Amino acid sequence: MSLLAKKVGLEEFWNKTDEEWVRGFINYDHPAWEGFDFDKVAEEGLFARADAIFEPLIFRPDNTFPTPSKRFQLYNEELVPFEQEVPTYQPMLEDPAGELGQTYPLVYLQFHDRLNVHSQHILIPELSVVQSEPQLEMNPVDAEPRGLKHGDVVLIKNDRGQCKMKLFLTEGIRPGAVATASGWTPDHFIEGNYQMLTHFTINPTEEFIGQTSTAFYDVLVEVEKA
């Protein structure tokens, strides 16, 4: 960034070295940085907070894994009842090519944006210059037949609920999909919240192995001008 600032004539606003910027980012008052010594970490290349708990899941000095065979396994006998003993594709719960797709043809995604770490950076004033509210990304191919234009306030809806936000047209998303960066809290929306559109359908295989997750990428919606 310092090199870029210099090239565009703004070096007075971004004139520190990379190390100076990194040193300035550290909040030594936070308990996570207790005992942190920048020079020592720079020399050793590693720092772990004092209250952290680590379990070696990838690197194992004895070259074994916590499996019955002690080896890395692609086949899992315990998952035979779920027909998932090997990684197996399963159709989407909400398929745009299926019956529900006739009413709600757009796949709605939530993604991790470079500006947000979940909700942690949303209230930083400097970042509001780039984006100060949630937006729905849509390809112009999908916007045209719906009579939608960049900046329109749109209604995103399905049978579970609805919400309103501004539209951001971009060719950076494929036709048939729409998306919003994750991390926005309800008070940032014009109306509603995107979690009114999602669902919590338990995956029995994931529940069995203790890795239950929500289906943020398996949601169909329709979009219209609000």
Protein backbone atom coordinates (compact mmCIF):
# COMPACT_ATOMS: atom_id res chain seq x y z
CA MET A 1 0.00 0.00 0.00
CA SER A 2 2.88 2.37 0.70
CA LEU A 3 4.21 1.77 -2.82
CA LEU A 4 0.76 2.37 -4.30
CA ALA A 5 0.32 5.57 -2.29
CA LYS A 6 3.63 6.86 -3.60
CA LYS A 7 2.69 6.08 -7.21
CA VAL A 8 -0.59 8.02 -6.96
CA GLY A 9 0.92 10.95 -5.08
CA LEU A 10 -0.61 10.20 -1.68
CA GLU A 11 2.51 9.06 0.16
CA GLU A 12 1.97 11.69 2.89
CA PHE A 13 -1.10 9.70 4.02
CA TRP A 14 0.58 6.27 3.85
CA ASN A 15 4.27 6.85 4.48
CA LYS A 16 5.21 4.15 6.97
CA THR A 17 7.12 0.96 6.34
CA ASP A 18 5.29 -2.37 6.51
CA GLU A 19 6.85 -3.06 9.91
CA GLU A 20 5.81 0.33 11.26
CA TRP A 21 2.22 -0.32 10.18
CA VAL A 22 2.18 -3.79 11.76
CA ARG A 23 3.62 -2.46 15.03
CA GLY A 24 0.89 0.18 15.10
CA PHE A 25 -1.90 -2.37 14.63
CA ILE A 26 -1.12 -4.23 17.86
CA ASN A 27 -3.28 -3.41 20.87
CA TYR A 28 -1.08 -4.28 23.82
CA ASP A 29 -3.94 -3.60 26.26
CA HIS A 30 -5.90 -6.58 24.90
CA PRO A 31 -5.42 -9.84 26.85
CA ALA A 32 -4.67 -11.69 23.61
CA TRP A 33 -1.36 -9.79 23.37
CA GLU A 34 -0.24 -10.43 26.95
CA GLY A 35 3.49 -11.15 26.96
CA PHE A 36 3.91 -10.21 23.30
CA ASP A 37 7.37 -8.99 22.31
CA PHE A 38 7.47 -7.81 18.70
CA ASP A 39 11.23 -8.14 18.26
CA LYS A 40 11.26 -11.64 19.75
CA VAL A 41 8.36 -12.77 17.60
CA ALA A 42 9.99 -11.29 14.49
CA GLU A 43 13.09 -13.33 15.26
CA GLU A 44 11.35 -16.59 16.19
CA GLY A 45 8.46 -16.31 13.75
CA LEU A 46 5.76 -17.52 16.17
CA PHE A 47 3.56 -16.21 18.97
CA ALA A 48 0.80 -17.93 20.93
CA ARG A 49 -1.39 -16.16 23.45
CA ALA A 50 -0.86 -17.34 27.01
CA ASP A 51 -4.39 -18.72 27.51
CA ALA A 52 -4.62 -20.49 24.14
CA ILE A 53 -5.24 -24.23 23.75
CA PHE A 54 -3.83 -25.95 20.70
CA GLU A 55 -4.47 -29.47 19.42
CA PRO A 56 -2.21 -30.77 16.66
CA LEU A 57 -4.58 -31.86 13.90
CA ILE A 58 -2.30 -31.75 10.87
CA PHE A 59 1.30 -32.03 12.00
CA ARG A 60 1.92 -35.13 14.12
CA PRO A 61 5.47 -36.02 15.18
CA ASP A 62 4.68 -39.76 15.13
CA ASN A 63 3.00 -39.51 11.69
CA THR A 64 -0.28 -40.98 12.95
CA PHE A 65 -3.86 -39.73 12.91
CA PRO A 66 -6.73 -40.28 15.39
CA THR A 67 -8.36 -42.92 13.18
CA PRO A 68 -8.76 -46.70 13.71
CA SER A 69 -5.96 -47.35 11.22
CA LYS A 70 -3.80 -44.49 12.56
CA ARG A 71 -3.60 -43.28 8.96
CA PHE A 72 -5.29 -40.48 7.05
CA GLN A 73 -8.51 -42.08 5.77
CA LEU A 74 -10.77 -41.23 2.84
CA TYR A 75 -13.01 -44.19 3.73
CA ASN A 76 -14.88 -44.14 7.05
CA GLU A 77 -16.77 -47.28 8.07
CA GLU A 78 -18.76 -45.37 10.69
CA LEU A 79 -20.44 -43.30 7.97
CA VAL A 80 -21.81 -46.28 6.01
CA PRO A 81 -25.33 -45.82 7.54
CA PHE A 82 -25.37 -42.31 6.08
CA GLU A 83 -24.01 -43.43 2.67
CA GLN A 84 -21.10 -41.06 3.24
CA GLU A 85 -18.30 -43.55 3.87
CA VAL A 86 -16.40 -41.79 1.09
CA PRO A 87 -16.84 -38.13 0.08
CA THR A 88 -20.07 -38.20 -1.94
CA TYR A 89 -21.89 -35.42 -3.74
CA GLN A 90 -25.43 -34.74 -2.58
CA PRO A 91 -27.87 -32.42 -4.38
CA MET A 92 -28.67 -29.04 -2.88
CA LEU A 93 -31.54 -28.89 -0.41
CA GLU A 94 -32.90 -25.95 -2.39
CA ASP A 95 -32.12 -26.58 -6.04
CA PRO A 96 -32.71 -23.78 -8.59
CA ALA A 97 -33.27 -26.51 -11.20
CA GLY A 98 -36.01 -28.06 -9.05
CA GLU A 99 -39.62 -27.14 -8.31
CA LEU A 100 -38.74 -24.48 -5.71
CA GLY A 101 -36.54 -22.80 -8.29
CA GLN A 102 -39.60 -21.95 -10.34
CA THR A 103 -40.63 -19.49 -7.62
CA TYR A 104 -37.22 -18.59 -6.19
CA PRO A 105 -34.64 -19.00 -8.97
CA LEU A 106 -31.63 -17.23 -7.41
CA VAL A 107 -29.05 -18.89 -5.15
CA TYR A 108 -28.33 -16.54 -2.23
CA LEU A 109 -24.81 -16.63 -0.79
CA GLN A 110 -23.15 -14.97 2.19
CA PHE A 111 -19.39 -14.58 1.92
CA HIS A 112 -16.44 -13.39 3.98
CA ASP A 113 -15.43 -9.97 2.69
CA ARG A 114 -11.94 -8.46 2.96
CA LEU A 115 -13.43 -5.57 4.99
CA ASN A 116 -15.12 -7.68 7.65
CA VAL A 117 -13.99 -10.28 10.13
CA HIS A 118 -17.50 -11.48 10.94
CA SER A 119 -18.83 -8.28 12.62
CA GLN A 120 -15.59 -7.03 14.14
CA HIS A 121 -14.59 -4.36 11.61
CA ILE A 122 -17.98 -3.05 10.55
CA LEU A 123 -18.00 -0.08 12.94
CA ILE A 124 -14.52 1.18 11.96
CA PRO A 125 -15.16 4.66 10.50
CA GLU A 126 -12.30 4.45 8.01
CA LEU A 127 -13.83 1.37 6.37
CA SER A 128 -17.24 3.03 5.99
CA VAL A 129 -15.75 5.05 3.14
CA VAL A 130 -15.60 1.81 1.13
CA GLN A 131 -18.85 0.25 2.32
CA SER A 132 -21.17 1.52 5.03
CA GLU A 133 -24.13 -0.83 4.60
CA PRO A 134 -24.95 -4.32 3.33
CA GLN A 135 -25.49 -4.64 -0.40
CA LEU A 136 -26.85 -7.35 -2.64
CA GLU A 137 -24.43 -8.27 -5.41
CA MET A 138 -26.11 -9.32 -8.66
CA ASN A 139 -24.99 -9.87 -12.24
CA PRO A 140 -26.50 -7.38 -14.75
CA VAL A 141 -27.80 -10.41 -16.70
CA ASP A 142 -30.20 -11.14 -13.80
CA ALA A 143 -30.98 -7.49 -13.10
CA GLU A 144 -32.15 -6.52 -16.60
CA PRO A 145 -35.23 -8.80 -16.86
CA ARG A 146 -36.25 -7.71 -13.35
CA GLY A 147 -36.02 -4.02 -14.24
CA LEU A 148 -33.35 -3.43 -11.59
CA LYS A 149 -30.58 -0.84 -11.68
CA HIS A 150 -27.40 -0.30 -9.69
CA GLY A 151 -28.22 1.38 -6.37
CA ASP A 152 -31.90 0.38 -6.32
CA VAL A 153 -33.38 -0.65 -2.98
CA VAL A 154 -34.47 -4.24 -3.52
CA LEU A 155 -36.57 -6.77 -1.68
CA ILE A 156 -35.00 -10.21 -1.25
CA LYS A 157 -37.60 -12.82 -0.32
CA ASN A 158 -38.50 -16.48 0.01
CA ASP A 159 -41.07 -18.49 1.98
CA ARG A 160 -39.18 -17.94 5.26
CA GLY A 161 -38.88 -14.16 5.22
CA GLN A 162 -37.56 -11.08 3.49
CA CYS A 163 -35.23 -8.13 3.84
CA LYS A 164 -34.30 -4.94 2.01
CA MET A 165 -30.93 -3.52 0.98
CA LYS A 166 -29.32 -1.67 -1.92
CA LEU A 167 -28.36 -3.44 -5.13
CA PHE A 168 -24.76 -3.62 -6.35
CA LEU A 169 -24.45 -4.73 -9.96
CA THR A 170 -21.24 -6.50 -10.89
CA GLU A 171 -20.04 -8.97 -13.49
CA GLY A 172 -17.91 -10.45 -10.73
CA ILE A 173 -20.73 -12.77 -9.68
CA ARG A 174 -22.10 -15.47 -11.94
CA PRO A 175 -25.66 -15.23 -13.28
CA GLY A 176 -28.16 -17.15 -11.17
CA ALA A 177 -26.50 -16.22 -7.88
CA VAL A 178 -26.75 -13.20 -5.59
CA ALA A 179 -24.61 -12.48 -2.55
CA THR A 180 -24.08 -10.29 0.50
CA ALA A 181 -20.96 -10.00 2.65
CA SER A 182 -21.42 -11.64 6.05
CA GLY A 183 -21.12 -9.84 9.38
CA TRP A 184 -23.79 -7.14 9.05
CA THR A 185 -26.01 -6.86 12.11
CA PRO A 186 -29.78 -6.25 11.80
CA ASP A 187 -29.52 -2.52 12.51
CA HIS A 188 -27.56 -2.01 9.28
CA PHE A 189 -30.38 -3.24 7.02
CA ILE A 190 -33.05 -1.03 5.53
CA GLU A 191 -35.56 -3.64 6.63
CA GLY A 192 -35.30 -7.16 8.02
CA ASN A 193 -32.10 -9.18 8.02
CA TYR A 194 -30.58 -11.74 5.67
CA GLN A 195 -30.82 -14.46 8.32
CA MET A 196 -34.59 -14.26 7.90
CA LEU A 197 -33.99 -15.99 4.56
CA THR A 198 -31.71 -18.80 5.72
CA HIS A 199 -32.60 -22.07 7.42
CA PHE A 200 -31.08 -24.41 9.97
CA THR A 201 -31.49 -27.86 8.50
CA ILE A 202 -29.47 -30.45 10.37
CA ASN A 203 -27.17 -32.61 8.26
CA PRO A 204 -27.33 -36.06 9.92
CA THR A 205 -23.79 -36.96 8.87
CA GLU A 206 -22.33 -33.76 10.27
CA GLU A 207 -24.41 -34.15 13.42
CA PHE A 208 -23.00 -37.65 13.91
CA ILE A 209 -19.38 -36.51 13.69
CA GLY A 210 -20.04 -33.35 15.71
CA GLN A 211 -19.56 -30.77 12.98
CA THR A 212 -23.07 -29.43 12.50
CA SER A 213 -23.16 -26.31 10.34
CA THR A 214 -25.82 -24.01 8.97
CA ALA A 215 -26.67 -23.88 5.27
CA PHE A 216 -25.63 -20.34 4.37
CA TYR A 217 -24.97 -21.43 0.77
CA ASP A 218 -28.11 -23.49 0.22
CA VAL A 219 -30.80 -20.82 0.04
CA LEU A 220 -33.05 -19.80 -2.85
CA VAL A 221 -34.61 -16.34 -3.18
CA GLU A 222 -36.27 -13.98 -5.61
CA VAL A 223 -35.37 -10.29 -5.88
CA GLU A 224 -37.60 -7.40 -6.89
CA LYS A 225 -37.55 -3.62 -6.61
CA ALA A 226 -38.76 -2.48 -3.21
